[in-house]
Amino acid sequence: MTDIEKKTAYTGRANTVLVFDHGQDCTAVITSLGARVCEHEHKERIRFTGTVTFSEKTAKHVREMILPVADSILNSLDLPEKCFEISAVNIGAASVNDIGLNISGFSADVPMLLAILSAVLQIPISDGLVSTGHIASPDGHITMVKNIPAKLNAAVKADSIDTFIYPSTDPDSAL
């Protein structure tokens, strides 16, 4: 067993930007995704917990695309595959109204992968970093997501954010 495997539970965290789409008047807010290594195996290797939920399509994508990319990275480091509990911090506006959010789409793929890797490696991701991007293949290709201007605006307005990571705007000329 490696030293990493012996350490106690650690929650990896990575900031993401949630967008509430109202056409051109969309609102974006920064929140945090958490990943924790589970000691007990469950039916699924990924369990979603907390008041923030993930749509079926998003949860399936995490299991079928993000987890294999994380596994590939961890295997290259001679670390075994793990099970994870994934959660997101409920934003204040939802929390004060006693509701949880439902995350859908693929723009939280990169921060989800970062949170998973942070949890296993027990290396914190800077609180000043926010990221977005769609993991579009099992090889880890990262592609563009929508609402980058709104996400960038939210990052600029947040005093705690000093780095915004996003994919190349159109590497394959498809847009």
Protein backbone atom coordinates (compact mmCIF):
# COMPACT_ATOMS: atom_id res chain seq x y z
CA MET A 1 0.00 0.00 0.00
CA THR A 2 1.43 3.44 -0.93
CA ASP A 3 1.60 6.41 1.41
CA ILE A 4 -1.21 8.02 -0.57
CA GLU A 5 -3.44 4.99 0.03
CA LYS A 6 -2.70 5.01 3.77
CA LYS A 7 -3.73 8.62 4.39
CA THR A 8 -7.15 9.50 5.73
CA ALA A 9 -10.04 10.67 3.56
CA TYR A 10 -9.26 13.87 1.72
CA THR A 11 -11.74 15.87 -0.29
CA GLY A 12 -10.35 17.24 -3.52
CA ARG A 13 -11.98 20.50 -4.57
CA ALA A 14 -11.99 22.46 -7.79
CA ASN A 15 -13.92 25.59 -8.74
CA THR A 16 -16.34 25.62 -11.61
CA VAL A 17 -18.77 28.12 -13.10
CA LEU A 18 -22.49 27.37 -13.19
CA VAL A 19 -24.54 29.19 -15.81
CA PHE A 20 -28.22 29.86 -15.49
CA ASP A 21 -29.20 30.26 -19.11
CA HIS A 22 -31.69 32.96 -19.92
CA GLY A 23 -30.68 33.53 -23.52
CA GLN A 24 -28.26 36.43 -23.86
CA ASP A 25 -28.97 37.48 -20.27
CA CYS A 26 -27.44 34.38 -18.68
CA THR A 27 -26.05 34.53 -15.18
CA ALA A 28 -22.91 32.72 -14.12
CA VAL A 29 -21.74 31.98 -10.59
CA ILE A 30 -18.65 30.29 -9.21
CA THR A 31 -19.01 27.25 -7.01
CA SER A 32 -16.89 24.31 -5.97
CA LEU A 33 -16.99 20.62 -6.86
CA GLY A 34 -15.75 18.09 -4.34
CA ALA A 35 -14.52 14.53 -4.79
CA ARG A 36 -13.71 12.12 -1.99
CA VAL A 37 -12.29 8.64 -2.29
CA CYS A 38 -14.73 6.05 -0.90
CA GLU A 39 -13.30 3.24 1.16
CA HIS A 40 -16.22 0.89 0.46
CA GLU A 41 -17.02 -0.15 -3.07
CA HIS A 42 -20.54 0.50 -4.21
CA LYS A 43 -22.51 -0.73 -7.16
CA GLU A 44 -21.24 2.31 -9.06
CA ARG A 45 -17.72 3.68 -8.71
CA ILE A 46 -19.13 7.21 -8.70
CA ARG A 47 -21.81 8.31 -6.23
CA PHE A 48 -23.29 11.78 -6.25
CA THR A 49 -24.13 13.23 -2.83
CA GLY A 50 -25.50 16.45 -1.36
CA THR A 51 -28.28 18.87 -2.20
CA VAL A 52 -26.88 19.68 -5.63
CA THR A 53 -27.84 16.93 -8.07
CA PHE A 54 -26.44 15.95 -11.43
CA SER A 55 -28.69 15.15 -14.39
CA GLU A 56 -28.82 11.54 -15.60
CA LYS A 57 -27.02 12.48 -18.81
CA THR A 58 -24.28 14.31 -16.90
CA ALA A 59 -23.87 11.49 -14.36
CA LYS A 60 -23.60 8.94 -17.19
CA HIS A 61 -20.98 11.10 -18.91
CA VAL A 62 -18.96 11.33 -15.68
CA ARG A 63 -19.00 7.54 -15.34
CA GLU A 64 -18.25 6.79 -19.00
CA MET A 65 -15.84 9.56 -19.91
CA ILE A 66 -14.32 11.41 -16.96
CA LEU A 67 -13.72 8.37 -14.73
CA PRO A 68 -11.81 6.47 -17.47
CA VAL A 69 -9.60 9.52 -18.07
CA ALA A 70 -8.90 9.75 -14.32
CA ASP A 71 -8.21 5.99 -14.24
CA SER A 72 -5.75 6.32 -17.11
CA ILE A 73 -3.84 9.10 -15.35
CA LEU A 74 -3.81 7.21 -12.04
CA ASN A 75 -2.76 3.94 -13.71
CA SER A 76 0.18 5.75 -15.31
CA LEU A 77 1.22 6.67 -11.75
CA ASP A 78 0.85 3.02 -10.64
CA LEU A 79 -2.14 3.91 -8.47
CA PRO A 80 -5.22 1.67 -8.37
CA GLU A 81 -8.68 2.66 -9.54
CA LYS A 82 -10.84 4.18 -6.82
CA CYS A 83 -14.50 4.83 -6.02
CA PHE A 84 -15.63 8.41 -5.45
CA GLU A 85 -18.34 10.50 -3.85
CA ILE A 86 -18.91 13.65 -5.88
CA SER A 87 -20.68 16.74 -4.58
CA ALA A 88 -21.07 20.41 -5.39
CA VAL A 89 -21.45 23.38 -3.11
CA ASN A 90 -24.98 24.73 -3.28
CA ILE A 91 -24.94 28.44 -4.16
CA GLY A 92 -26.32 30.92 -1.63
CA ALA A 93 -29.41 31.89 -3.63
CA ALA A 94 -30.55 28.27 -3.77
CA SER A 95 -29.54 27.51 -0.21
CA VAL A 96 -31.54 30.34 1.39
CA ASN A 97 -34.60 29.13 -0.52
CA ASP A 98 -34.07 25.54 0.74
CA ILE A 99 -33.59 24.15 -2.74
CA GLY A 100 -30.76 22.36 -4.47
CA LEU A 101 -29.52 22.86 -7.99
CA ASN A 102 -29.44 20.35 -10.82
CA ILE A 103 -26.22 20.41 -12.81
CA SER A 104 -26.47 19.39 -16.44
CA GLY A 105 -24.16 19.62 -19.39
CA PHE A 106 -20.45 19.03 -19.79
CA SER A 107 -18.78 22.31 -18.86
CA ALA A 108 -17.86 21.06 -15.37
CA ASP A 109 -15.87 18.11 -16.81
CA VAL A 110 -12.43 19.65 -16.30
CA PRO A 111 -13.02 20.80 -12.70
CA MET A 112 -14.59 17.40 -11.93
CA LEU A 113 -11.46 15.64 -13.23
CA LEU A 114 -9.27 18.03 -11.23
CA ALA A 115 -11.27 17.36 -8.04
CA ILE A 116 -10.98 13.59 -8.55
CA LEU A 117 -7.22 13.77 -9.12
CA SER A 118 -6.85 16.12 -6.15
CA ALA A 119 -8.70 13.64 -3.93
CA VAL A 120 -6.54 10.66 -4.88
CA LEU A 121 -3.23 12.48 -4.95
CA GLN A 122 -4.13 14.64 -1.94
CA ILE A 123 -2.84 17.72 -3.70
CA PRO A 124 -5.04 20.79 -3.31
CA ILE A 125 -6.17 22.80 -6.31
CA SER A 126 -5.74 26.54 -5.76
CA ASP A 127 -8.89 28.33 -4.57
CA GLY A 128 -7.94 31.09 -6.98
CA LEU A 129 -8.36 28.84 -10.02
CA VAL A 130 -11.61 28.23 -11.87
CA SER A 131 -11.87 26.01 -14.94
CA THR A 132 -14.34 24.86 -17.53
CA GLY A 133 -14.22 22.49 -20.48
CA HIS A 134 -15.79 19.38 -21.96
CA ILE A 135 -13.80 16.13 -21.82
CA ALA A 136 -14.75 14.86 -25.25
CA SER A 137 -12.91 11.54 -25.52
CA PRO A 138 -11.50 8.75 -23.37
CA ASP A 139 -8.06 10.05 -24.36
CA GLY A 140 -8.80 13.27 -22.47
CA HIS A 141 -9.38 15.69 -25.34
CA ILE A 142 -10.84 18.89 -23.93
CA THR A 143 -13.19 20.93 -26.09
CA MET A 144 -15.07 24.21 -25.94
CA VAL A 145 -18.25 24.80 -23.95
CA LYS A 146 -20.85 27.53 -24.25
CA ASN A 147 -21.19 30.80 -22.33
CA ILE A 148 -17.46 31.51 -21.96
CA PRO A 149 -18.04 35.32 -21.81
CA ALA A 150 -20.52 34.93 -18.92
CA LYS A 151 -18.16 32.52 -17.13
CA LEU A 152 -15.20 34.85 -17.60
CA ASN A 153 -17.27 37.76 -16.30
CA ALA A 154 -18.14 35.76 -13.15
CA ALA A 155 -14.45 34.95 -12.66
CA VAL A 156 -13.44 38.60 -13.05
CA LYS A 157 -16.09 39.70 -10.52
CA ALA A 158 -15.00 37.13 -7.94
CA ASP A 159 -12.22 38.65 -5.86
CA SER A 160 -10.93 35.20 -4.95
CA ILE A 161 -10.30 34.08 -8.56
CA ASP A 162 -7.00 34.95 -10.25
CA THR A 163 -6.83 32.21 -12.92
CA PHE A 164 -9.50 31.15 -15.44
CA ILE A 165 -8.73 28.04 -17.51
CA TYR A 166 -10.81 27.24 -20.58
CA PRO A 167 -10.26 25.23 -23.77
CA SER A 168 -9.05 26.61 -27.05
CA THR A 169 -11.93 28.40 -28.72
CA ASP A 170 -11.96 26.42 -31.96
CA PRO A 171 -8.99 24.08 -32.51
CA ASP A 172 -10.74 21.92 -35.13
CA SER A 173 -12.50 24.80 -36.97
CA ALA A 174 -15.89 23.12 -36.38
CA LEU A 175 -17.42 26.27 -34.89
